[in-house]
Protein backbone atom coordinates (compact mmCIF):
# COMPACT_ATOMS: atom_id res chain seq x y z
CA MET A 1 79.62 102.30 101.48
CA GLY A 2 82.48 104.67 100.55
CA THR A 3 84.55 107.33 102.13
CA GLN A 4 82.58 109.39 104.59
CA ILE A 5 83.40 112.72 106.14
CA ALA A 6 84.42 111.00 109.38
CA ASP A 7 86.92 108.81 107.52
CA ILE A 8 89.05 111.72 106.32
CA ALA A 9 89.26 113.95 109.40
CA PRO A 10 92.87 114.08 110.69
CA ASN A 11 92.26 113.91 114.48
CA PRO A 12 89.67 112.39 116.84
CA SER A 13 87.99 115.68 117.83
CA GLU A 14 87.48 116.50 114.18
CA ASN A 15 86.21 112.94 113.64
CA LEU A 16 83.53 113.56 116.28
CA LEU A 17 82.48 116.83 114.65
CA ALA A 18 82.51 115.29 111.20
CA SER A 19 80.47 112.36 112.48
CA LYS A 20 77.87 114.75 113.90
CA ASP A 21 77.81 116.70 110.62
CA ASN A 22 77.43 113.44 108.72
CA ASN A 23 74.53 112.39 110.97
CA ILE A 24 72.82 115.76 110.45
CA LEU A 25 73.30 115.43 106.71
CA MET A 26 71.89 111.89 106.70
CA GLU A 27 68.87 112.96 108.78
CA SER A 28 68.26 115.84 106.38
CA LEU A 29 68.45 113.49 103.40
CA GLU A 30 66.08 111.05 105.08
CA GLU A 31 63.57 113.87 105.68
CA ILE A 32 63.79 114.97 102.07
CA MET A 33 63.39 111.39 100.85
CA ALA A 34 60.35 110.87 103.09
CA SER A 35 58.68 113.94 101.59
CA LEU A 36 59.07 112.65 98.02
CA PRO A 37 56.64 110.35 96.24
CA PRO A 38 57.91 106.76 95.74
CA GLU A 39 58.83 107.24 92.06
CA HIS A 40 61.02 110.23 92.93
CA GLN A 41 62.59 108.34 95.83
CA GLN A 42 63.62 105.67 93.31
CA GLU A 43 65.13 108.34 91.06
CA VAL A 44 67.19 109.64 94.00
CA ARG A 45 68.39 106.09 94.78
CA ASP A 46 69.28 105.51 91.12
CA PHE A 47 71.20 108.78 90.97
CA ALA A 48 73.06 108.00 94.19
CA MET A 49 74.04 104.58 92.78
CA PHE A 50 75.18 106.25 89.55
CA LEU A 51 77.41 108.63 91.54
CA ALA A 52 78.82 105.78 93.62
CA GLU A 53 79.63 103.72 90.52
CA LYS A 54 81.13 106.74 88.76
CA ARG A 55 83.42 107.37 91.72
CA ALA A 56 84.45 103.72 92.11
CA LYS A 57 87.81 102.69 90.75
CA PRO A 58 87.61 100.84 87.45
CA LYS A 59 88.49 97.17 87.58
CA ARG A 60 91.87 96.39 86.16
CA ARG A 61 91.75 94.12 83.18
CA ARG A 62 94.53 91.86 82.08
CA LEU A 63 96.42 92.92 78.99
CA ARG A 64 95.32 90.85 76.03
CA LEU A 65 97.99 89.85 73.55
CA ASP A 66 95.74 88.19 70.97
CA TRP A 67 97.01 90.67 68.38
CA ALA A 68 100.63 89.48 68.75
CA GLY A 69 102.03 88.35 65.42
CA GLY A 70 99.18 89.95 63.51
CA LEU A 71 101.54 91.97 61.30
CA LYS A 72 104.12 89.30 60.55
CA GLU A 73 103.42 89.44 56.80
CA PHE A 74 104.82 93.01 56.85
CA ARG A 75 108.03 92.00 58.63
CA ASP A 76 110.11 92.27 55.47
CA GLN A 77 108.55 95.58 54.34
CA TYR A 78 109.09 97.73 57.46
CA THR A 79 111.72 98.13 60.13
CA SER A 80 110.68 98.75 63.71
CA GLN A 81 111.93 102.34 63.39
CA GLU A 82 109.79 102.94 60.31
CA LEU A 83 106.75 101.54 62.07
CA GLN A 84 107.41 103.71 65.11
CA LYS A 85 107.74 106.85 62.96
CA ASP A 86 104.65 106.01 60.90
CA SER A 87 102.59 105.24 64.00
CA LEU A 88 103.53 108.62 65.50
CA ASP A 89 102.47 110.28 62.24
CA TRP A 90 99.17 108.33 62.22
CA TRP A 91 98.37 109.27 65.82
CA GLY A 92 99.19 112.91 65.08
CA ASP A 93 96.54 113.19 62.35
């Protein structure tokens, strides 16, 4: 499901050790889960999913240009330099 300890070890002997550590960790988690009542097991699953989603890369969205031309009535009132200066002032507030 994501990056595991074994995936990031730089050489095969470390991969083997990391794999063993990962197995021990998973067994420990399974034991803890088995000792919990079902409603708490579900909370642990939900939290694990939350962490996985939080760590996942956000999907890239396409840039929308539906605002293009939205200020054309101000074309004669402002130059591009004036707009740039004003926008910097607005963002600084």
